[in-house]
Amino acid sequence: MDFNRRRRDSDRFVGCSLGRSILVWNRKSLQILVATITLHEKNAEQGEAWHGEKISCCDFHGLFSRRSCSLMFGKQIILTMNTTLKVVFVTALLATSAIAKDQDVVIKCAIGKGTSAFALPVASTQPNREVTLRATREFRYPSKWDLPQESTNSEGAKIILPVKALEFERVEAGWIIECSTEKIEGGLIRVTGVATFTEPELRQAVHGEQSRPIYAQGDRKVLLTENKGESAVVRSSSTRFQVFALPGKQYEFNVAKLDKTIPLTLTCSYQK
């Protein structure tokens, strides 16, 4: 018997008794297995039907002791009664009812129109859950600097090093679309969300003493260093939207891109 498999399955299945049957269900898929009891009993002390740690405790009433351990193994559920050390093999009827999961909703978005349009990565989600589509790049910029320093070059001549960046921060530049879906009447999907565009731009950020261009002493015609200390000015715009979407149909509407507007195309469908 493969006890590694037995341990894995024990994490996925739980059960309870119902008359002379047992209901066992998968924790992940919520599939219900209706198991009919067959009294093929075997003493655990005489065979190899039961080894290893206890799996998951369930309360069984009537036919079984109150405390039992259950395990899904292939197409059988193995129950051991702790008080009698007997193993009962229960055949599971797999052609049973199930609590079906809602189909995943697939969301496709594209920004722009014509040759300049580009598609965001496709995302899928369960209804009533949030999902994020991204078309971004990481933008890293300095946020703290040290003073200019005197140094020497390879020829031994004195030079001035400009302000030096000490610390950095990051921002996601580009498009982020956050949305959630909900099934509503008429076979429609209600999509609510927000489309955000972020654009950082480098500008001079260091001010005060020793923050200006540095010239040779006594000669302002000789520039030693521009002494730039630039950081990001981050601009963003967000557009909230809602679409009553028919699965498979394409919808187009405008969203803000800073001071402009740009078309966003959205399509919803159910995953097959």
Foldseek 3Di string as FASTA:
>chain_A
DPVVVFQVQLVFKDWEDDVQWIWIAGNPFQFIWIWGFDAPKDQVVPDPPDDDDARDWYAYDDPAHRTWGWTDDPQWIWIAHVVRNMITIIGIDRPDDGDGAAFKKKKWKWWFDDPPIDTWDIDIDGAPDKDKTDDWDKDKWADDWDAKDWDADPVRHIAIGAIGGDHMDIDTAAKMKMWHWHQDPPQWIKIKIKIKGKDKDKDADDDDPRQAFDADVPDNVHTRGRRGHIGIDMDMAMDIDIDGAHAPDKDWDWDDDGVDIIIMIMHMHGDD
